[in-house]
Amino acid sequence: MSTIERARRRLKAHPLALDAILATGVLACMVAGSFVDPGGHRGDWTLRTPAPLSLVLMALGATALVFRRRAPMTVLALTGSFSLIEAVASDPRAPVAMAAVIALYTVAATTDRPTTWRAGLLTMTVLTGASMLAGPLPWYAQENLAIFAWTGIGATAGDAVRSRRAFIHAIRERAERAERTHEEEARRRVAEERLRIARDLHDVVAHHIALVNVQAGVAAHVMDKRPDQAKEALAHVREASRSALNELRATVGLLRQSGDPEAPTEPAPGLDRLDELVGTFRSAGLRIEVARADHGTALPAAVGLAAYRVIQEALTNVQKHAGTEAKAEVSVVRVGPDMEITVLDDGSGEDDHSADGGGHGLLGMRERVTALRGTLTTGPRYGGGFRVHAILPVKTSTTVTATGTGTANATVTRKPGEPV
């Protein structure tokens, strides 16, 4: 930092000292000007001796300028009064009005424009009128009109400085507001991404761990009497765990930094993998019937992923809550511009699939469907069992961005009062 810059900051930190220095400089200029007679006998500049009253008024005006920031209107009234007294009672004249010009500049720079207009017009009128009435003849002499010009310059300069300060302040405020908005948007996007990844992890882990748990229980039950069946169950455990690891790797790979090794690029699952999904549940002993009437509709990645996850979570709930004898029915139907997904079961209803909405699974399904402007209804069936029904628009207006493995980002909405 340069010496000038350090001195400037030090002066800004002590405005009273800065005003005292300014007042001293103004006093020096007024005193020097009081010894010069601009008129002379033939227009030449000559020396003269100022009146004692003029020296006293100059000192009082300069002293008042020290407090110009604290009370600008009071200082203007004092310096204006000193200038008026000097114009009427002092002979020869001295430039006491210089203090009034500085005070008028301060008023214009620190107040608003209407106040500047009122104070400026009053000061110019009173001082110019007194100079013309009590000054040298003719009344329109240059010395008399100079008061009008200098007071006008002071008011105009102060108003210009005030306008520039207001403009710079507005620019800084706009930049700060834009920065705050950018930071809030970044935080919102981070929260949405965290919620989306948490939802994906829940879907993957809940599905595969449920299968592993069932198959491990089967293997433990038949290990001694039917080792072949136990080996088959353990093979399903290995396959389910491998699939879980692959999907976890794909999901967590989205969290890598730009310099990290390349994340897996396997596309997000969709209804084209429905048979594979149903097969994993059937291998775990769940009876499932599938009916499709979607006529080979090509779905957007976000819609296909949401449909796949809804079916996956619904069948996982059937596996976990509906009982060992439960049977599930899955239907995928294209109805006009929408795709309807229905999963039914005839379970005992003892656990009722956490129908009160307290689990993460139903909440995750609702968030996925709502993000695509669809609807989801869940609840017990009359006579026993549970029903999950989702309506997904085939052409969604939600902005979706593919990232990493092709998993979709979508704006998530949560109804008030729903648990996380």
Protein backbone atom coordinates (compact mmCIF):
# COMPACT_ATOMS: atom_id res chain seq x y z
CA MET A 1 0.00 0.00 0.00
CA SER A 2 1.41 3.41 -0.97
CA THR A 3 2.03 6.24 1.47
CA ILE A 4 -0.70 8.36 -0.13
CA GLU A 5 -3.24 5.58 0.23
CA ARG A 6 -2.34 5.04 3.89
CA ALA A 7 -2.65 8.77 4.57
CA ARG A 8 -6.03 8.86 2.81
CA ARG A 9 -7.40 6.00 4.89
CA ARG A 10 -6.08 7.58 8.07
CA LEU A 11 -7.82 10.85 7.25
CA LYS A 12 -11.09 9.08 6.42
CA ALA A 13 -10.92 7.40 9.81
CA HIS A 14 -10.69 10.87 11.48
CA PRO A 15 -13.13 13.18 9.62
CA LEU A 16 -12.90 15.95 12.23
CA ALA A 17 -9.15 16.27 11.67
CA LEU A 18 -9.73 16.33 7.91
CA ASP A 19 -12.28 19.14 8.30
CA ALA A 20 -9.86 21.06 10.54
CA ILE A 21 -7.21 20.86 7.81
CA LEU A 22 -9.76 22.00 5.22
CA ALA A 23 -10.85 24.90 7.43
CA THR A 24 -7.22 25.96 7.85
CA GLY A 25 -6.71 25.95 4.09
CA VAL A 26 -9.90 27.95 3.49
CA LEU A 27 -8.85 30.48 6.14
CA ALA A 28 -5.46 30.88 4.48
CA CYS A 29 -7.11 31.49 1.09
CA MET A 30 -9.55 34.03 2.55
CA VAL A 31 -6.80 35.93 4.35
CA ALA A 32 -4.61 35.97 1.26
CA GLY A 33 -7.54 37.16 -0.85
CA SER A 34 -8.38 39.94 1.59
CA PHE A 35 -5.00 41.61 0.93
CA VAL A 36 -5.59 41.80 -2.85
CA ASP A 37 -7.70 44.47 -4.52
CA PRO A 38 -8.81 43.07 -7.92
CA GLY A 39 -10.21 46.36 -9.08
CA GLY A 40 -7.49 48.97 -8.56
CA HIS A 41 -7.72 52.26 -10.46
CA ARG A 42 -7.08 50.89 -13.97
CA GLY A 43 -7.98 47.20 -13.51
CA ASP A 44 -4.61 46.29 -12.04
CA TRP A 45 -4.29 44.07 -8.98
CA THR A 46 -3.02 46.01 -5.96
CA LEU A 47 -2.39 45.28 -2.28
CA ARG A 48 -4.65 46.58 0.46
CA THR A 49 -5.15 46.27 4.19
CA PRO A 50 -8.28 44.30 5.25
CA ALA A 51 -10.60 45.63 7.91
CA PRO A 52 -10.32 44.10 11.39
CA LEU A 53 -13.98 43.07 11.20
CA SER A 54 -13.26 41.06 8.03
CA LEU A 55 -10.42 39.19 9.75
CA VAL A 56 -12.68 38.32 12.68
CA LEU A 57 -15.49 37.11 10.36
CA MET A 58 -13.04 35.02 8.33
CA ALA A 59 -11.76 33.34 11.49
CA LEU A 60 -15.30 32.63 12.71
CA GLY A 61 -16.35 31.23 9.32
CA ALA A 62 -13.30 28.93 9.13
CA THR A 63 -13.92 27.72 12.70
CA ALA A 64 -17.52 26.85 11.80
CA LEU A 65 -16.31 24.72 8.86
CA VAL A 66 -14.61 22.33 11.30
CA PHE A 67 -18.10 21.07 12.27
CA ARG A 68 -19.60 21.02 8.76
CA ARG A 69 -20.20 17.23 8.73
CA ARG A 70 -21.89 17.14 12.13
CA ALA A 71 -24.33 20.04 11.55
CA PRO A 72 -24.26 21.09 7.86
CA MET A 73 -27.38 23.29 7.99
CA THR A 74 -26.21 25.10 11.15
CA VAL A 75 -22.77 25.72 9.68
CA LEU A 76 -24.38 27.07 6.48
CA ALA A 77 -26.54 29.45 8.52
CA LEU A 78 -23.51 30.71 10.48
CA THR A 79 -21.20 31.17 7.50
CA GLY A 80 -24.02 32.75 5.51
CA SER A 81 -24.64 35.22 8.35
CA PHE A 82 -20.93 36.08 8.54
CA SER A 83 -20.86 36.66 4.78
CA LEU A 84 -23.96 38.88 4.98
CA ILE A 85 -22.43 40.98 7.78
CA GLU A 86 -19.20 41.32 5.80
CA ALA A 87 -21.08 42.40 2.65
CA VAL A 88 -23.03 45.09 4.51
CA ALA A 89 -20.64 46.41 7.16
CA SER A 90 -17.10 45.79 5.96
CA ASP A 91 -15.10 48.08 3.72
CA PRO A 92 -12.97 47.07 1.89
CA ARG A 93 -14.58 43.72 1.20
CA ALA A 94 -12.98 40.34 2.01
CA PRO A 95 -13.85 36.89 0.61
CA VAL A 96 -15.71 35.69 3.71
CA ALA A 97 -18.33 34.17 1.39
CA MET A 98 -15.83 31.39 0.56
CA ALA A 99 -16.75 29.71 3.86
CA ALA A 100 -20.44 29.92 2.92
CA VAL A 101 -19.71 28.30 -0.46
CA ILE A 102 -17.96 25.35 1.26
CA ALA A 103 -20.85 25.02 3.74
CA LEU A 104 -23.39 25.05 0.88
CA TYR A 105 -21.40 22.34 -0.91
CA THR A 106 -21.54 20.20 2.26
CA VAL A 107 -25.32 20.62 2.57
CA ALA A 108 -25.81 19.58 -1.08
CA ALA A 109 -23.48 16.57 -0.69
CA THR A 110 -25.07 15.25 2.52
CA THR A 111 -28.79 15.97 2.09
CA ASP A 112 -31.37 15.45 -0.64
CA ARG A 113 -32.01 17.47 -3.79
CA PRO A 114 -35.08 19.42 -2.56
CA THR A 115 -33.13 20.58 0.51
CA THR A 116 -30.24 21.59 -1.75
CA TRP A 117 -32.57 23.63 -3.96
CA ARG A 118 -34.15 25.47 -1.02
CA ALA A 119 -30.86 26.15 0.80
CA GLY A 120 -29.02 27.08 -2.40
CA LEU A 121 -31.67 29.51 -3.68
CA LEU A 122 -31.97 31.17 -0.27
CA THR A 123 -28.18 31.55 0.11
CA MET A 124 -27.68 32.84 -3.46
CA THR A 125 -30.58 35.30 -3.20
CA VAL A 126 -29.62 36.78 0.18
CA LEU A 127 -25.86 37.10 -0.46
CA THR A 128 -26.18 38.31 -4.05
CA GLY A 129 -28.88 40.83 -3.09
CA ALA A 130 -26.77 42.18 -0.20
CA SER A 131 -23.73 42.50 -2.47
CA MET A 132 -25.70 44.40 -5.10
CA LEU A 133 -27.31 46.76 -2.57
CA ALA A 134 -24.25 47.47 -0.42
CA GLY A 135 -21.47 46.81 -2.89
CA PRO A 136 -19.73 49.08 -5.39
CA LEU A 137 -21.69 50.61 -8.24
CA PRO A 138 -22.99 49.72 -10.69
CA TRP A 139 -25.07 46.97 -9.06
CA TYR A 140 -24.22 44.52 -11.86
CA ALA A 141 -20.46 44.87 -11.27
CA GLN A 142 -18.42 41.70 -11.62
CA GLU A 143 -17.60 41.67 -7.92
CA ASN A 144 -21.30 41.65 -7.03
CA LEU A 145 -22.26 38.92 -9.51
CA ALA A 146 -19.34 36.69 -8.44
CA ILE A 147 -21.23 35.75 -5.25
CA PHE A 148 -24.09 34.39 -7.35
CA ALA A 149 -21.72 32.30 -9.48
CA TRP A 150 -19.71 30.84 -6.59
CA THR A 151 -22.74 29.84 -4.52
CA GLY A 152 -24.28 28.20 -7.58
CA ILE A 153 -21.06 26.27 -8.25
CA GLY A 154 -20.94 25.08 -4.62
CA ALA A 155 -24.51 23.77 -4.69
CA THR A 156 -24.10 22.11 -8.10
CA ALA A 157 -20.81 20.41 -7.15
CA GLY A 158 -22.26 19.07 -3.90
CA ASP A 159 -25.34 17.69 -5.67
CA ALA A 160 -23.13 15.97 -8.26
CA VAL A 161 -21.02 14.34 -5.52
CA ARG A 162 -24.15 13.15 -3.70
CA SER A 163 -25.58 11.66 -6.92
CA ARG A 164 -22.30 9.84 -7.66
CA ARG A 165 -22.17 8.40 -4.15
CA ALA A 166 -25.76 7.19 -4.45
CA PHE A 167 -25.00 5.60 -7.82
CA ILE A 168 -21.92 3.76 -6.49
CA HIS A 169 -23.88 2.61 -3.44
CA ALA A 170 -26.66 1.25 -5.66
CA ILE A 171 -24.14 -0.66 -7.79
CA ARG A 172 -22.49 -2.19 -4.72
CA GLU A 173 -25.84 -3.12 -3.22
CA ARG A 174 -26.93 -4.74 -6.48
CA ALA A 175 -23.67 -6.72 -6.66
CA GLU A 176 -24.02 -7.87 -3.05
CA ARG A 177 -27.63 -8.88 -3.64
CA ALA A 178 -26.64 -10.84 -6.75
CA GLU A 179 -23.88 -12.59 -4.81
CA ARG A 180 -26.29 -13.50 -2.01
CA THR A 181 -28.80 -14.82 -4.55
CA HIS A 182 -26.07 -16.88 -6.23
CA GLU A 183 -25.00 -18.37 -2.89
CA GLU A 184 -28.60 -19.18 -1.95
CA GLU A 185 -29.15 -20.86 -5.32
CA ALA A 186 -25.96 -22.87 -4.86
CA ARG A 187 -27.06 -24.00 -1.39
CA ARG A 188 -30.49 -24.94 -2.73
CA ARG A 189 -28.98 -27.02 -5.51
CA VAL A 190 -26.64 -28.76 -3.07
CA ALA A 191 -29.59 -29.59 -0.80
CA GLU A 192 -31.61 -30.95 -3.73
CA GLU A 193 -28.68 -33.05 -4.92
CA ARG A 194 -28.07 -34.41 -1.43
CA LEU A 195 -31.74 -35.32 -1.09
CA ARG A 196 -31.78 -37.00 -4.50
CA ILE A 197 -28.69 -39.08 -3.75
CA ALA A 198 -30.09 -40.03 -0.33
CA ARG A 199 -33.30 -41.17 -2.01
CA ASP A 200 -31.40 -43.24 -4.58
CA LEU A 201 -29.25 -44.84 -1.89
CA HIS A 202 -32.33 -45.72 0.11
CA ASP A 203 -34.02 -47.34 -2.88
CA VAL A 204 -30.94 -49.40 -3.77
CA VAL A 205 -30.06 -50.48 -0.23
CA ALA A 206 -33.62 -51.23 0.88
CA HIS A 207 -34.31 -53.41 -2.14
CA HIS A 208 -31.14 -55.46 -2.21
CA ILE A 209 -30.67 -55.80 1.54
CA ALA A 210 -34.25 -57.10 1.81
CA LEU A 211 -33.44 -59.75 -0.79
CA VAL A 212 -30.17 -60.65 0.93
CA ASN A 213 -31.97 -60.93 4.27
CA VAL A 214 -34.63 -63.26 2.87
CA GLN A 215 -32.18 -65.48 1.00
CA ALA A 216 -29.80 -65.65 3.97
CA GLY A 217 -32.70 -66.73 6.17
CA VAL A 218 -33.63 -69.45 3.67
CA ALA A 219 -30.03 -70.65 3.53
CA ALA A 220 -29.75 -70.82 7.30
CA HIS A 221 -33.04 -72.72 7.54
CA VAL A 222 -32.21 -75.45 4.99
CA MET A 223 -28.45 -75.63 5.42
CA ASP A 224 -28.44 -78.99 7.25
CA LYS A 225 -31.28 -80.81 5.53
CA ARG A 226 -31.13 -79.46 1.95
CA PRO A 227 -27.64 -78.16 1.21
CA ASP A 228 -28.36 -77.82 -2.51
CA GLN A 229 -31.18 -75.38 -1.85
CA ALA A 230 -28.97 -73.54 0.62
CA LYS A 231 -26.28 -73.16 -2.04
CA GLU A 232 -28.86 -71.79 -4.44
CA ALA A 233 -30.01 -69.26 -1.83
CA LEU A 234 -26.44 -68.20 -1.15
CA ALA A 235 -25.92 -67.76 -4.90
CA HIS A 236 -28.88 -65.38 -4.91
CA VAL A 237 -27.33 -63.56 -1.94
CA ARG A 238 -24.10 -63.16 -3.86
CA GLU A 239 -25.92 -61.92 -6.96
CA ALA A 240 -28.05 -59.44 -4.98
CA SER A 241 -25.02 -58.10 -3.10
CA ARG A 242 -23.07 -57.71 -6.35
CA SER A 243 -25.95 -55.81 -7.91
CA ALA A 244 -26.22 -53.62 -4.81
CA LEU A 245 -22.52 -52.82 -4.94
CA ASN A 246 -22.73 -51.91 -8.62
CA GLU A 247 -25.66 -49.54 -8.07
CA LEU A 248 -24.03 -48.03 -4.99
CA ARG A 249 -20.83 -47.48 -6.93
CA ALA A 250 -22.77 -45.79 -9.72
CA THR A 251 -24.66 -43.54 -7.29
CA VAL A 252 -21.72 -42.61 -5.09
CA GLY A 253 -19.66 -41.98 -8.22
CA LEU A 254 -21.72 -38.83 -8.71
CA LEU A 255 -19.96 -37.37 -5.68
CA ARG A 256 -16.53 -37.53 -7.27
CA GLN A 257 -14.56 -34.37 -7.94
CA SER A 258 -13.47 -33.31 -11.40
CA GLY A 259 -9.95 -34.71 -10.91
CA ASP A 260 -11.07 -38.07 -9.52
CA PRO A 261 -11.08 -41.25 -11.60
CA GLU A 262 -13.95 -41.48 -14.02
CA ALA A 263 -17.22 -42.59 -12.47
CA PRO A 264 -19.25 -45.50 -13.89
CA THR A 265 -21.37 -44.51 -16.87
CA GLU A 266 -24.01 -47.22 -16.69
CA PRO A 267 -27.39 -45.74 -17.69
CA ALA A 268 -30.08 -45.32 -15.06
CA PRO A 269 -32.54 -48.24 -14.86
CA GLY A 270 -35.93 -47.95 -16.50
CA LEU A 271 -38.93 -50.09 -17.42
CA ASP A 272 -36.77 -51.93 -19.94
CA ARG A 273 -35.24 -53.69 -16.91
CA LEU A 274 -38.58 -54.55 -15.31
CA ASP A 275 -38.26 -58.28 -16.06
CA GLU A 276 -34.83 -58.35 -14.44
CA LEU A 277 -36.19 -56.56 -11.36
CA VAL A 278 -39.18 -58.90 -11.04
CA GLY A 279 -36.85 -61.89 -11.47
CA THR A 280 -34.83 -60.91 -8.39
CA PHE A 281 -37.98 -60.89 -6.27
CA ARG A 282 -39.24 -64.16 -7.72
CA SER A 283 -35.92 -65.78 -6.90
CA ALA A 284 -36.47 -64.66 -3.31
CA GLY A 285 -39.79 -66.53 -3.21
CA LEU A 286 -42.24 -63.72 -3.91
CA ARG A 287 -45.07 -64.57 -6.28
CA ILE A 288 -45.52 -61.78 -8.83
CA GLU A 289 -47.76 -61.34 -11.85
CA VAL A 290 -46.88 -58.65 -14.40
CA ALA A 291 -49.27 -57.06 -16.89
CA ARG A 292 -48.02 -54.48 -19.38
CA ALA A 293 -49.98 -52.40 -21.84
CA ASP A 294 -47.53 -49.61 -22.51
CA HIS A 295 -47.23 -50.46 -26.24
CA GLY A 296 -43.44 -50.15 -26.21
CA THR A 297 -43.56 -46.46 -25.20
CA ALA A 298 -40.14 -44.83 -25.13
CA LEU A 299 -40.00 -42.94 -21.84
CA PRO A 300 -37.74 -40.04 -20.90
CA ALA A 301 -34.91 -41.10 -18.60
CA ALA A 302 -36.43 -39.34 -15.59
CA VAL A 303 -39.86 -40.94 -16.08
CA GLY A 304 -38.41 -44.40 -16.67
CA LEU A 305 -36.24 -44.14 -13.57
CA ALA A 306 -39.18 -42.97 -11.42
CA ALA A 307 -41.38 -45.82 -12.67
CA TYR A 308 -38.62 -48.36 -11.99
CA ARG A 309 -37.98 -47.03 -8.47
CA VAL A 310 -41.70 -46.95 -7.61
CA ILE A 311 -42.10 -50.60 -8.59
CA GLN A 312 -38.85 -51.56 -6.84
CA GLU A 313 -39.85 -49.86 -3.58
CA ALA A 314 -43.40 -51.20 -3.70
CA LEU A 315 -42.22 -54.80 -4.22
CA THR A 316 -39.59 -54.35 -1.49
CA ASN A 317 -42.37 -53.31 0.89
CA VAL A 318 -44.38 -56.36 -0.14
CA GLN A 319 -41.34 -58.56 0.55
CA LYS A 320 -40.78 -56.97 3.96
CA HIS A 321 -44.28 -56.34 5.27
CA ALA A 322 -46.92 -58.39 3.45
CA GLY A 323 -46.03 -61.84 4.79
CA THR A 324 -44.55 -65.01 3.30
CA GLU A 325 -47.74 -66.04 1.51
CA ALA A 326 -48.35 -62.69 -0.17
CA LYS A 327 -48.84 -62.37 -3.89
CA ALA A 328 -48.09 -59.18 -5.83
CA GLU A 329 -49.52 -57.83 -9.07
CA VAL A 330 -47.69 -55.25 -11.19
CA SER A 331 -49.37 -53.41 -14.05
CA VAL A 332 -47.88 -50.85 -16.41
CA VAL A 333 -50.48 -49.15 -18.62
CA ARG A 334 -50.24 -46.24 -21.05
CA VAL A 335 -53.36 -44.09 -20.67
CA GLY A 336 -53.36 -41.10 -23.00
CA PRO A 337 -50.45 -38.78 -22.15
CA ASP A 338 -49.71 -40.61 -18.88
CA MET A 339 -48.14 -43.84 -17.72
CA GLU A 340 -49.98 -45.56 -14.87
CA ILE A 341 -48.05 -47.84 -12.52
CA THR A 342 -49.99 -50.06 -10.11
CA VAL A 343 -48.60 -52.53 -7.56
CA LEU A 344 -51.10 -54.59 -5.53
CA ASP A 345 -50.62 -57.29 -2.92
CA ASP A 346 -52.92 -59.48 -0.87
CA GLY A 347 -50.78 -59.58 2.25
CA SER A 348 -52.05 -60.04 5.76
CA GLY A 349 -51.78 -56.33 6.49
CA GLU A 350 -50.20 -56.87 9.91
CA ASP A 351 -47.48 -54.27 9.24
CA ASP A 352 -49.55 -52.42 6.66
CA HIS A 353 -46.45 -51.15 4.76
CA SER A 354 -46.00 -48.22 7.16
CA ALA A 355 -49.14 -46.71 5.69
CA ASP A 356 -49.00 -43.82 8.07
CA GLY A 357 -46.24 -42.33 5.99
CA GLY A 358 -43.56 -42.73 8.64
CA GLY A 359 -41.05 -44.56 6.42
CA HIS A 360 -38.56 -43.26 3.92
CA GLY A 361 -39.76 -45.56 1.12
CA LEU A 362 -43.24 -44.10 0.63
CA LEU A 363 -41.86 -40.59 1.04
CA GLY A 364 -39.19 -41.27 -1.59
CA MET A 365 -41.80 -42.57 -4.04
CA ARG A 366 -43.99 -39.55 -3.48
CA GLU A 367 -41.08 -37.16 -4.01
CA ARG A 368 -40.03 -38.85 -7.25
CA VAL A 369 -43.54 -38.76 -8.67
CA THR A 370 -44.26 -35.20 -7.50
CA ALA A 371 -40.99 -33.98 -9.01
CA LEU A 372 -42.29 -35.07 -12.44
CA ARG A 373 -45.69 -33.40 -11.89
CA GLY A 374 -47.33 -36.79 -11.38
CA THR A 375 -49.59 -38.16 -8.62
CA LEU A 376 -49.12 -41.04 -6.19
CA THR A 377 -51.76 -42.71 -4.04
CA THR A 378 -50.98 -45.42 -1.48
CA GLY A 379 -53.06 -47.19 1.12
CA PRO A 380 -54.60 -50.42 2.32
CA ARG A 381 -56.95 -52.34 0.04
CA TYR A 382 -60.45 -53.29 1.00
CA GLY A 383 -60.32 -56.88 2.22
CA GLY A 384 -56.59 -56.89 2.95
CA GLY A 385 -53.37 -56.00 1.23
CA PHE A 386 -51.88 -52.76 0.00
CA ARG A 387 -52.09 -50.67 -3.14
CA VAL A 388 -49.57 -48.33 -4.76
CA HIS A 389 -50.78 -46.34 -7.76
CA ALA A 390 -48.64 -43.77 -9.62
CA ILE A 391 -49.53 -41.62 -12.62
CA LEU A 392 -46.50 -40.27 -14.48
CA PRO A 393 -46.76 -37.86 -17.42
CA VAL A 394 -44.84 -39.26 -20.37
CA LYS A 395 -43.83 -35.76 -21.49
CA THR A 396 -42.79 -33.95 -18.34
CA SER A 397 -42.15 -30.20 -18.17
CA THR A 398 -39.77 -30.58 -15.24
CA THR A 399 -36.23 -29.55 -16.04
CA VAL A 400 -34.01 -32.62 -15.85
CA THR A 401 -30.23 -32.75 -16.05
CA ALA A 402 -28.33 -35.97 -16.67
CA THR A 403 -25.33 -36.43 -14.45
CA GLY A 404 -22.78 -39.17 -13.95
CA THR A 405 -24.63 -42.44 -14.43
CA GLY A 406 -27.63 -40.86 -16.08
CA THR A 407 -29.57 -40.40 -12.85
CA ALA A 408 -31.93 -37.45 -13.16
CA ASN A 409 -31.99 -34.30 -11.12
CA ALA A 410 -35.42 -32.82 -10.46
CA THR A 411 -36.82 -30.20 -8.17
CA VAL A 412 -38.16 -31.96 -5.08
CA THR A 413 -41.31 -30.85 -3.27
CA ARG A 414 -42.34 -32.03 0.15
CA LYS A 415 -45.76 -31.53 1.69
CA PRO A 416 -45.83 -29.73 5.05
CA GLY A 417 -45.78 -32.08 8.00
CA GLU A 418 -44.30 -35.06 6.19
CA PRO A 419 -41.44 -36.77 8.04
CA VAL A 420 -38.05 -37.03 6.43
